[in-house]
PDB file of N, CA and C in Angstrom:
ATOM      1  N   MET A   1     133.966  87.544 142.027  1.00  0.00           N
ATOM      2  CA  MET A   1     132.993  87.567 141.279  1.00  0.00           C
ATOM      3  C   MET A   1     131.496  86.987 142.002  1.00  0.00           C
ATOM      4  N   ARG A   2     130.591  87.952 141.571  1.00  0.00           N
ATOM      5  CA  ARG A   2     129.014  87.807 142.039  1.00  0.00           C
ATOM      6  C   ARG A   2     128.213  87.126 141.151  1.00  0.00           C
ATOM      7  N   GLY A   3     127.451  86.672 142.012  1.00  0.00           N
ATOM      8  CA  GLY A   3     126.056  85.689 140.999  1.00  0.00           C
ATOM      9  C   GLY A   3     124.997  86.776 140.711  1.00  0.00           C
ATOM     10  N   PRO A   4     124.191  86.406 140.009  1.00  0.00           N
ATOM     11  CA  PRO A   4     122.753  87.044 139.945  1.00  0.00           C
ATOM     12  C   PRO A   4     121.870  87.237 141.430  1.00  0.00           C
ATOM     13  N   ALA A   5     121.132  88.472 141.383  1.00  0.00           N
ATOM     14  CA  ALA A   5     120.505  88.293 142.228  1.00  0.00           C
ATOM     15  C   ALA A   5     119.634  87.089 143.182  1.00  0.00           C
ATOM     16  N   ALA A   6     119.002  86.247 142.694  1.00  0.00           N
ATOM     17  CA  ALA A   6     118.575  84.966 142.934  1.00  0.00           C
ATOM     18  C   ALA A   6     119.412  83.940 144.336  1.00  0.00           C
ATOM     19  N   LEU A   7     120.938  84.347 143.722  1.00  0.00           N
ATOM     20  CA  LEU A   7     121.881  83.427 143.958  1.00  0.00           C
ATOM     21  C   LEU A   7     122.268  84.179 145.469  1.00  0.00           C
ATOM     22  N   ARG A   8     121.972  85.416 145.748  1.00  0.00           N
ATOM     23  CA  ARG A   8     122.460  86.030 147.035  1.00  0.00           C
ATOM     24  C   ARG A   8     121.839  85.827 148.543  1.00  0.00           C
ATOM     25  N   GLY A   9     122.530  85.497 149.332  1.00  0.00           N
ATOM     26  CA  GLY A   9     121.704  85.646 150.599  1.00  0.00           C
ATOM     27  C   GLY A   9     121.946  84.040 151.067  1.00  0.00           C
ATOM     28  N   PRO A  10     121.788  83.864 152.019  1.00  0.00           N
ATOM     29  CA  PRO A  10     121.779  82.768 152.634  1.00  0.00           C
ATOM     30  C   PRO A  10     120.649  81.294 151.998  1.00  0.00           C
ATOM     31  N   SER A  11     119.764  81.950 151.642  1.00  0.00           N
ATOM     32  CA  SER A  11     119.063  80.493 150.993  1.00  0.00           C
ATOM     33  C   SER A  11     119.352  80.406 149.664  1.00  0.00           C
ATOM     34  N   GLY A  12     119.851  81.403 148.859  1.00  0.00           N
ATOM     35  CA  GLY A  12     120.202  81.231 147.742  1.00  0.00           C
ATOM     36  C   GLY A  12     121.941  80.636 147.592  1.00  0.00           C
ATOM     37  N   ALA A  13     122.489  80.610 147.923  1.00  0.00           N
ATOM     38  CA  ALA A  13     123.851  80.037 148.555  1.00  0.00           C
ATOM     39  C   ALA A  13     123.432  78.551 148.979  1.00  0.00           C
ATOM     40  N   ALA A  14     123.150  78.213 149.893  1.00  0.00           N
ATOM     41  CA  ALA A  14     122.669  76.963 149.969  1.00  0.00           C
ATOM     42  C   ALA A  14     121.958  76.366 149.488  1.00  0.00           C
ATOM     43  N   THR A  15     120.776  76.664 148.590  1.00  0.00           N
ATOM     44  CA  THR A  15     120.413  75.877 147.409  1.00  0.00           C
ATOM     45  C   THR A  15     121.695  75.678 146.061  1.00  0.00           C
ATOM     46  N   LEU A  16     122.298  76.693 146.018  1.00  0.00           N
ATOM     47  CA  LEU A  16     123.039  76.494 144.994  1.00  0.00           C
ATOM     48  C   LEU A  16     124.370  75.763 145.992  1.00  0.00           C
ATOM     49  N   LEU A  17     124.597  75.469 147.053  1.00  0.00           N
ATOM     50  CA  LEU A  17     125.927  74.515 147.282  1.00  0.00           C
ATOM     51  C   LEU A  17     125.189  73.387 146.855  1.00  0.00           C
ATOM     52  N   ARG A  18     123.828  73.018 147.731  1.00  0.00           N
ATOM     53  CA  ARG A  18     123.260  71.252 147.928  1.00  0.00           C
ATOM     54  C   ARG A  18     122.923  71.236 146.170  1.00  0.00           C
ATOM     55  N   GLY A  19     122.556  71.795 145.230  1.00  0.00           N
ATOM     56  CA  GLY A  19     122.969  71.479 143.976  1.00  0.00           C
ATOM     57  C   GLY A  19     123.813  70.907 143.194  1.00  0.00           C
ATOM     58  N   LEU A  20     124.893  71.716 143.703  1.00  0.00           N
ATOM     59  CA  LEU A  20     126.284  71.397 143.139  1.00  0.00           C
ATOM     60  C   LEU A  20     126.939  69.876 144.156  1.00  0.00           C
ATOM     61  N   LEU A  21     126.408  69.765 144.983  1.00  0.00           N
ATOM     62  CA  LEU A  21     126.997  68.762 145.918  1.00  0.00           C
ATOM     63  C   LEU A  21     125.921  67.593 145.060  1.00  0.00           C
ATOM     64  N   LEU A  22     124.637  67.485 145.035  1.00  0.00           N
ATOM     65  CA  LEU A  22     123.963  66.987 144.204  1.00  0.00           C
ATOM     66  C   LEU A  22     124.221  66.245 143.183  1.00  0.00           C
ATOM     67  N   PHE A  23     124.809  67.435 142.197  1.00  0.00           N
ATOM     68  CA  PHE A  23     125.114  66.813 140.866  1.00  0.00           C
ATOM     69  C   PHE A  23     126.414  66.344 141.126  1.00  0.00           C
ATOM     70  N   GLY A  24     127.489  67.021 141.949  1.00  0.00           N
ATOM     71  CA  GLY A  24     128.727  66.218 142.110  1.00  0.00           C
ATOM     72  C   GLY A  24     128.458  64.347 142.243  1.00  0.00           C
ATOM     73  N   GLU A  25     127.850  64.463 143.018  1.00  0.00           N
ATOM     74  CA  GLU A  25     127.562  63.047 143.428  1.00  0.00           C
ATOM     75  C   GLU A  25     126.778  62.147 142.238  1.00  0.00           C
ATOM     76  N   TYR A  26     125.945  62.821 141.658  1.00  0.00           N
ATOM     77  CA  TYR A  26     125.255  61.884 140.520  1.00  0.00           C
ATOM     78  C   TYR A  26     126.397  61.478 139.311  1.00  0.00           C
ATOM     79  N   ALA A  27     127.385  62.662 139.018  1.00  0.00           N
ATOM     80  CA  ALA A  27     127.957  62.455 138.149  1.00  0.00           C
ATOM     81  C   ALA A  27     129.113  61.254 137.995  1.00  0.00           C
ATOM     82  N   VAL A  28     129.668  61.570 139.660  1.00  0.00           N
ATOM     83  CA  VAL A  28     130.714  60.580 140.064  1.00  0.00           C
ATOM     84  C   VAL A  28     130.387  59.152 140.150  1.00  0.00           C
ATOM     85  N   SER A  29     128.680  59.144 140.403  1.00  0.00           N
ATOM     86  CA  SER A  29     128.441  57.916 140.594  1.00  0.00           C
ATOM     87  C   SER A  29     127.692  57.038 139.121  1.00  0.00           C
ATOM     88  N   HIS A  30     127.625  57.807 138.166  1.00  0.00           N
ATOM     89  CA  HIS A  30     127.196  57.494 137.044  1.00  0.00           C
ATOM     90  C   HIS A  30     128.421  57.621 135.864  1.00  0.00           C
ATOM     91  N   GLY A  31     129.550  57.908 136.534  1.00  0.00           N
ATOM     92  CA  GLY A  31     130.865  58.061 135.728  1.00  0.00           C
ATOM     93  C   GLY A  31     131.160  59.260 134.470  1.00  0.00           C
ATOM     94  N   TYR A  32     130.012  60.395 135.043  1.00  0.00           N
ATOM     95  CA  TYR A  32     130.069  60.991 133.955  1.00  0.00           C
ATOM     96  C   TYR A  32     131.346  62.322 134.284  1.00  0.00           C
ATOM     97  N   ALA A  33     131.990  61.919 135.254  1.00  0.00           N
ATOM     98  CA  ALA A  33     132.961  63.130 135.479  1.00  0.00           C
ATOM     99  C   ALA A  33     133.985  63.614 134.120  1.00  0.00           C
ATOM    100  N   ALA A  34     134.243  62.944 133.650  1.00  0.00           N
ATOM    101  CA  ALA A  34     134.836  63.374 132.229  1.00  0.00           C
ATOM    102  C   ALA A  34     134.107  63.908 131.147  1.00  0.00           C
ATOM    103  N   SER A  35     132.570  63.944 131.095  1.00  0.00           N
ATOM    104  CA  SER A  35     131.474  64.732 130.602  1.00  0.00           C
ATOM    105  C   SER A  35     130.456  65.516 131.426  1.00  0.00           C
ATOM    106  N   SER A  36     131.238  66.398 131.931  1.00  0.00           N
ATOM    107  CA  SER A  36     130.281  67.234 132.749  1.00  0.00           C
ATOM    108  C   SER A  36     128.877  67.714 132.016  1.00  0.00           C
ATOM    109  N   VAL A  37     129.030  68.111 130.861  1.00  0.00           N
ATOM    110  CA  VAL A  37     128.030  68.753 130.458  1.00  0.00           C
ATOM    111  C   VAL A  37     126.698  68.055 130.391  1.00  0.00           C
ATOM    112  N   SER A  38     127.340  66.542 129.419  1.00  0.00           N
ATOM    113  CA  SER A  38     126.345  65.333 129.153  1.00  0.00           C
ATOM    114  C   SER A  38     125.781  64.902 130.803  1.00  0.00           C
ATOM    115  N   ALA A  39     126.393  64.831 132.083  1.00  0.00           N
ATOM    116  CA  ALA A  39     126.100  64.935 133.504  1.00  0.00           C
ATOM    117  C   ALA A  39     124.969  65.621 133.671  1.00  0.00           C
ATOM    118  N   TRP A  40     125.270  66.832 133.249  1.00  0.00           N
ATOM    119  CA  TRP A  40     124.486  68.095 133.838  1.00  0.00           C
ATOM    120  C   TRP A  40     122.954  67.684 133.128  1.00  0.00           C
ATOM    121  N   GLU A  41     122.801  67.611 131.568  1.00  0.00           N
ATOM    122  CA  GLU A  41     121.779  67.353 130.957  1.00  0.00           C
ATOM    123  C   GLU A  41     121.089  66.398 131.222  1.00  0.00           C
ATOM    124  N   ALA A  42     121.950  65.421 131.817  1.00  0.00           N
ATOM    125  CA  ALA A  42     121.042  64.196 132.178  1.00  0.00           C
ATOM    126  C   ALA A  42     120.226  63.963 133.884  1.00  0.00           C
ATOM    127  N   THR A  43     121.275  65.012 134.164  1.00  0.00           N
ATOM    128  CA  THR A  43     120.526  65.371 135.330  1.00  0.00           C
ATOM    129  C   THR A  43     119.369  66.260 135.804  1.00  0.00           C
ATOM    130  N   ILE A  44     119.221  67.247 134.439  1.00  0.00           N
ATOM    131  CA  ILE A  44     118.326  67.802 134.203  1.00  0.00           C
ATOM    132  C   ILE A  44     116.957  67.186 133.812  1.00  0.00           C
ATOM    133  N   SER A  45     117.016  66.165 132.766  1.00  0.00           N
ATOM    134  CA  SER A  45     116.163  65.724 132.387  1.00  0.00           C
ATOM    135  C   SER A  45     115.535  63.965 133.224  1.00  0.00           C
ATOM    136  N   ALA A  46     116.717  63.594 134.206  1.00  0.00           N
ATOM    137  CA  ALA A  46     116.412  62.793 135.064  1.00  0.00           C
ATOM    138  C   ALA A  46     114.727  63.334 135.921  1.00  0.00           C
TER     139      ALA A  46
END
């Protein structure tokens, strides 16, 4: 599965991975593991 052009290349992949890791840590630390959509919205608005 290939993502959009913006996610291709080392910089795009690194940014995506870093974002996923930060989001994962935020979701777990705030107890949003059961509601990933709410956690994502909270992360964006924070």
